[in-house]
Protein backbone atom coordinates (compact mmCIF):
# COMPACT_ATOMS: atom_id res chain seq x y z
CA MET A 1 -38.95 72.31 -127.64
CA THR A 2 -39.24 68.58 -128.45
CA GLN A 3 -42.42 66.83 -127.39
CA GLY A 4 -41.71 64.26 -124.71
CA ILE A 5 -44.74 62.25 -125.80
CA VAL A 6 -45.93 62.06 -129.42
CA SER A 7 -49.62 61.15 -129.70
CA GLU A 8 -51.33 59.83 -132.83
CA THR A 9 -54.72 58.21 -133.39
CA ALA A 10 -55.69 55.80 -136.17
CA ASP A 11 -58.64 53.41 -136.43
CA HIS A 12 -59.65 53.89 -132.77
CA VAL A 13 -56.09 53.24 -131.54
CA ARG A 14 -54.13 55.92 -129.65
CA TYR A 15 -50.38 55.50 -130.23
CA LEU A 16 -48.20 57.17 -127.57
CA THR A 17 -44.46 57.36 -128.27
CA ILE A 18 -41.88 58.42 -125.69
CA ASN A 19 -39.77 60.81 -127.73
CA ARG A 20 -36.42 61.19 -125.98
CA PRO A 21 -34.12 58.91 -128.00
CA GLU A 22 -31.04 60.90 -127.01
CA ARG A 23 -31.73 59.86 -123.39
CA ARG A 24 -32.84 56.33 -124.27
CA ASN A 25 -36.40 57.55 -123.71
CA ALA A 26 -35.78 58.00 -120.00
CA LEU A 27 -38.63 59.65 -118.11
CA ASP A 28 -37.85 63.10 -116.76
CA ASN A 29 -40.49 64.96 -114.75
CA ALA A 30 -41.90 66.79 -117.76
CA THR A 31 -42.26 63.60 -119.83
CA LYS A 32 -43.87 61.72 -116.94
CA ASP A 33 -46.42 64.52 -116.65
CA GLU A 34 -47.03 64.43 -120.41
CA LEU A 35 -47.57 60.67 -120.36
CA VAL A 36 -50.01 60.94 -117.44
CA ARG A 37 -51.93 63.63 -119.30
CA ALA A 38 -51.92 61.62 -122.54
CA CYS A 39 -53.29 58.51 -120.80
CA VAL A 40 -56.00 60.48 -118.98
CA GLU A 41 -57.06 62.05 -122.28
CA ALA A 42 -57.08 58.67 -124.06
CA ASN A 43 -59.15 57.18 -121.25
CA ALA A 44 -61.73 59.95 -121.61
CA ASP A 45 -61.89 59.97 -125.43
CA PRO A 46 -64.81 57.82 -126.69
CA ASP A 47 -63.10 57.51 -130.09
CA VAL A 48 -60.12 55.72 -128.49
CA TRP A 49 -60.70 52.02 -127.87
CA VAL A 50 -57.08 50.79 -127.48
CA VAL A 51 -53.87 52.50 -126.30
CA CYS A 52 -50.36 51.54 -127.47
CA ILE A 53 -47.18 52.80 -125.79
CA THR A 54 -43.70 52.57 -127.33
CA GLY A 55 -40.39 54.43 -127.49
CA SER A 56 -38.78 56.30 -130.34
CA GLY A 57 -35.77 54.86 -132.14
CA ASP A 58 -34.53 51.29 -131.88
CA ARG A 59 -32.27 51.42 -128.80
CA ALA A 60 -34.75 51.69 -125.97
CA PHE A 61 -38.41 51.39 -125.11
CA CYS A 62 -37.70 53.35 -121.94
CA ALA A 63 -34.62 53.45 -119.72
CA GLY A 64 -36.75 54.32 -116.69
CA ARG A 65 -36.29 57.39 -114.50
CA ASP A 66 -33.96 60.05 -115.89
CA LEU A 67 -31.10 59.61 -113.40
CA LYS A 68 -29.25 62.71 -114.61
CA GLU A 69 -32.26 64.82 -113.68
CA LEU A 70 -32.59 62.97 -110.37
CA ASP A 71 -28.93 63.62 -109.54
CA ALA A 72 -29.29 67.30 -110.48
CA GLU A 73 -32.26 67.57 -108.13
CA ARG A 74 -30.17 66.06 -105.33
CA ALA A 75 -27.35 68.49 -106.02
CA SER A 76 -29.75 71.43 -105.92
CA GLY A 77 -31.18 70.38 -102.57
CA ALA A 78 -34.64 69.68 -104.00
CA ARG A 79 -36.94 67.34 -102.09
CA ILE A 80 -36.71 63.79 -103.47
CA ALA A 81 -40.15 62.20 -103.26
CA SER A 82 -41.01 58.52 -102.98
CA PRO A 83 -42.99 57.16 -105.97
CA MET A 84 -46.44 57.46 -104.34
CA ASP A 85 -45.53 60.68 -102.51
CA GLU A 86 -45.08 62.95 -105.53
CA THR A 87 -47.26 65.99 -106.13
CA GLY A 88 -48.56 64.57 -109.44
CA ARG A 89 -50.18 61.22 -110.16
CA ASN A 90 -47.94 58.17 -110.41
CA VAL A 91 -47.45 57.38 -114.10
CA HIS A 92 -47.46 53.59 -113.66
CA GLU A 93 -50.70 53.68 -111.68
CA VAL A 94 -52.30 55.91 -114.32
CA VAL A 95 -51.39 53.47 -117.11
CA LEU A 96 -52.70 50.55 -115.04
CA GLU A 97 -55.96 52.43 -114.49
CA THR A 98 -56.44 53.39 -118.12
CA TYR A 99 -59.67 51.45 -118.57
CA LYS A 100 -59.09 50.45 -122.16
CA PRO A 101 -56.78 47.69 -123.44
CA THR A 102 -53.16 48.86 -123.32
CA ILE A 103 -50.26 47.44 -125.33
CA ALA A 104 -46.55 47.99 -124.66
CA ALA A 105 -44.53 47.71 -127.88
CA ILE A 106 -41.06 47.08 -126.43
CA ASN A 107 -38.77 48.25 -129.22
CA GLY A 108 -35.53 48.10 -127.22
CA ALA A 109 -34.24 48.10 -123.66
CA ALA A 110 -36.95 48.35 -120.98
CA MET A 111 -35.12 49.07 -117.75
CA GLY A 112 -36.24 50.02 -114.26
CA GLY A 113 -39.22 52.33 -114.49
CA GLY A 114 -39.34 51.54 -118.21
CA LEU A 115 -40.01 47.88 -117.52
CA GLU A 116 -42.51 48.96 -114.86
CA LEU A 117 -44.26 51.02 -117.55
CA ALA A 118 -44.50 47.90 -119.71
CA LEU A 119 -45.77 45.89 -116.73
CA ALA A 120 -48.55 48.45 -116.25
CA CYS A 121 -49.85 47.62 -119.73
CA ASP A 122 -52.19 44.68 -120.36
CA LEU A 123 -50.27 43.16 -123.27
CA ARG A 124 -46.56 43.26 -124.11
CA ILE A 125 -45.06 42.63 -127.54
CA ALA A 126 -41.27 42.81 -127.77
CA ALA A 127 -38.62 43.10 -130.46
CA ASP A 128 -36.26 40.13 -130.43
CA THR A 129 -33.42 42.54 -129.62
CA ALA A 130 -35.07 43.92 -126.47
CA LEU A 131 -33.66 43.51 -122.97
CA LEU A 132 -35.84 43.75 -119.87
CA GLY A 133 -34.48 44.43 -116.43
CA LEU A 134 -34.85 46.02 -113.01
CA PRO A 135 -31.43 47.43 -112.04
CA GLU A 136 -32.81 49.42 -109.08
CA VAL A 137 -30.94 47.23 -106.60
CA ARG A 138 -27.70 48.59 -108.11
CA ARG A 139 -28.89 52.18 -107.82
CA GLY A 140 -30.19 52.08 -104.26
CA MET A 141 -33.78 52.43 -105.46
CA GLY A 142 -36.91 50.41 -104.72
CA ALA A 143 -38.74 49.32 -107.91
CA ASN A 144 -41.92 50.27 -106.06
CA PHE A 145 -44.38 49.31 -108.81
CA ALA A 146 -42.57 46.14 -109.95
CA SER A 147 -42.12 44.87 -106.40
CA VAL A 148 -45.93 44.78 -106.13
CA LEU A 149 -47.11 43.88 -109.64
CA LEU A 150 -44.39 41.51 -110.80
CA PHE A 151 -45.46 38.80 -108.34
CA ARG A 152 -48.95 38.89 -109.85
CA LEU A 153 -47.62 38.26 -113.35
CA ILE A 154 -44.85 35.65 -113.12
CA PRO A 155 -43.75 32.96 -110.63
CA ARG A 156 -42.41 34.26 -107.32
CA ALA A 157 -38.86 32.91 -107.77
CA LEU A 158 -38.52 34.53 -111.21
CA ALA A 159 -39.81 37.85 -109.86
CA PHE A 160 -37.25 37.73 -107.06
CA GLN A 161 -34.52 36.88 -109.57
CA LEU A 162 -35.23 40.04 -111.56
CA LEU A 163 -35.41 42.19 -108.44
CA TYR A 164 -32.53 40.73 -106.42
CA THR A 165 -29.91 40.39 -109.17
CA GLY A 166 -30.71 43.45 -111.29
CA GLU A 167 -29.67 41.36 -114.30
CA PRO A 168 -31.69 41.89 -117.50
CA VAL A 169 -33.31 39.08 -119.46
CA THR A 170 -33.65 38.73 -123.21
CA ALA A 171 -36.98 38.99 -124.98
CA ALA A 172 -36.93 35.24 -125.62
CA GLN A 173 -36.37 34.55 -121.92
CA ALA A 174 -39.14 37.01 -120.99
CA LEU A 175 -41.48 35.16 -123.36
CA SER A 176 -40.68 31.81 -121.73
CA TRP A 177 -41.44 33.34 -118.32
CA GLY A 178 -44.79 34.75 -119.48
CA LEU A 179 -43.51 38.30 -119.00
CA VAL A 180 -44.32 39.22 -122.62
CA ASN A 181 -47.03 37.89 -124.93
CA GLN A 182 -45.13 37.87 -128.20
CA VAL A 183 -41.63 38.37 -129.62
CA VAL A 184 -41.06 39.43 -133.23
CA PRO A 185 -38.05 40.53 -135.31
CA ALA A 186 -37.26 44.17 -134.51
CA ALA A 187 -38.08 45.37 -138.03
CA GLU A 188 -41.53 43.79 -137.79
CA LEU A 189 -42.50 45.25 -134.41
CA PRO A 190 -44.46 48.31 -135.68
CA ALA A 191 -46.52 46.20 -138.09
CA ALA A 192 -47.08 43.46 -135.51
CA THR A 193 -48.22 46.05 -132.95
CA ARG A 194 -50.67 47.60 -135.40
CA ALA A 195 -52.01 44.15 -136.29
CA LEU A 196 -52.56 43.31 -132.62
CA ALA A 197 -54.26 46.66 -131.99
CA ARG A 198 -56.52 46.19 -135.02
CA GLN A 199 -57.44 42.75 -133.76
CA LEU A 200 -58.52 44.24 -130.43
CA VAL A 201 -60.65 47.03 -131.93
CA ARG A 202 -62.69 44.46 -133.81
CA GLY A 203 -64.24 43.69 -130.43
CA ALA A 204 -67.06 45.72 -128.90
CA PRO A 205 -65.53 48.77 -127.16
CA LEU A 206 -67.91 48.59 -124.21
CA SER A 207 -66.96 44.94 -123.68
CA LEU A 208 -63.25 45.83 -123.81
CA ARG A 209 -63.71 48.54 -121.19
CA ARG A 210 -65.81 46.21 -119.03
CA TYR A 211 -63.09 43.53 -119.09
CA LYS A 212 -60.42 46.03 -118.11
CA GLU A 213 -62.32 47.61 -115.22
CA MET A 214 -63.50 44.27 -113.85
CA ALA A 215 -59.96 42.85 -114.04
CA VAL A 216 -58.30 45.82 -112.33
CA LYS A 217 -60.94 46.50 -109.69
CA GLY A 218 -61.85 42.88 -108.96
CA CYS A 219 -58.33 41.43 -108.86
CA ASP A 220 -57.84 41.44 -105.10
CA ILE A 221 -61.32 40.91 -103.71
CA PRO A 222 -63.13 37.60 -103.05
CA VAL A 223 -64.73 35.97 -106.09
CA PRO A 224 -68.37 36.39 -104.90
CA ALA A 225 -67.75 40.12 -104.35
CA ALA A 226 -65.92 40.46 -107.66
CA LEU A 227 -68.81 38.82 -109.55
CA ARG A 228 -71.17 41.43 -108.10
CA LEU A 229 -68.81 44.34 -108.64
CA ASN A 230 -70.46 45.36 -111.93
CA ALA A 231 -67.56 47.70 -112.76
CA GLY A 232 -67.33 49.64 -116.00
CA PRO A 233 -70.00 50.10 -118.67
CA ASN A 234 -72.85 47.58 -118.80
CA PRO A 235 -72.62 45.81 -122.19
CA TYR A 236 -75.62 43.58 -121.54
CA THR A 237 -78.19 46.33 -122.05
CA SER A 238 -76.25 48.26 -124.71
CA LYS A 239 -77.03 48.96 -128.35
CA ASP A 240 -73.76 47.28 -129.23
CA ARG A 241 -74.99 44.03 -127.62
CA GLU A 242 -78.06 44.20 -129.87
CA GLU A 243 -75.83 44.92 -132.87
CA GLY A 244 -73.41 42.10 -132.02
CA VAL A 245 -76.19 39.52 -131.82
CA ALA A 246 -77.84 40.83 -135.00
CA ALA A 247 -74.53 40.74 -136.88
CA PHE A 248 -73.97 37.14 -135.81
CA VAL A 249 -77.46 36.10 -136.94
CA GLU A 250 -77.09 37.98 -140.24
CA LYS A 251 -73.55 36.63 -140.80
CA ARG A 252 -71.88 40.05 -141.17
CA GLN A 253 -69.34 42.17 -139.33
CA PRO A 254 -70.81 44.24 -136.47
CA ARG A 255 -70.89 48.04 -136.69
CA TRP A 256 -70.07 49.21 -133.17
CA GLN A 257 -71.46 52.51 -131.86
CA ASN A 258 -69.75 52.44 -128.46
CA GLN A 259 -73.09 52.78 -126.73
């Protein structure tokens, strides 16, 4: 049986690839569960400092929910659950709460839940051939994650445009909106993603985790409370803080210990 998620680790970066190219990397129940498990494992692994998510092939990053499976469930009389009412953890929430920097490498179409998966990541780098859209309004669905997070990422009118019309935007348009960080030629996407990931792992891993936890947990609380939140590991008293200062003074690259 084909793996729904292929996991590889190199130089402190965990690369997770949705491996269903014949279904445009749509997320069926099994693959959603695999991706949740893979993110939980990456979050717990001290050797992983950055997580990258992409899709296999060059047609799609992720087409969202596998609608053929959803229709089969309806036909069988199975209970259809709302996104936050499923028996397992919500995949988008798990990605958002992976407390290490996350990168979405958008190698093709990112539609519906696939775009929501990219939105759950911290950074988004897209192939120039990619299309990004939320067609849920044409499927009678709710874009539950995007309808909350999108308004925190781009201007309100642009968020409503994506949601109300269901029309996709090009990678160049997404870049102009601030929806993605970078657009590169499709053939250069894997190399550009690795370069970005390597740039991130040059930073102190405890600092990276601190930034992520403070950003996620402090986003919606008053500034005085957020400043006192003290979420994530404490880099100020760490060995890596000592090493970082010593490396600066000695004019050399730091050797991080993640402690």
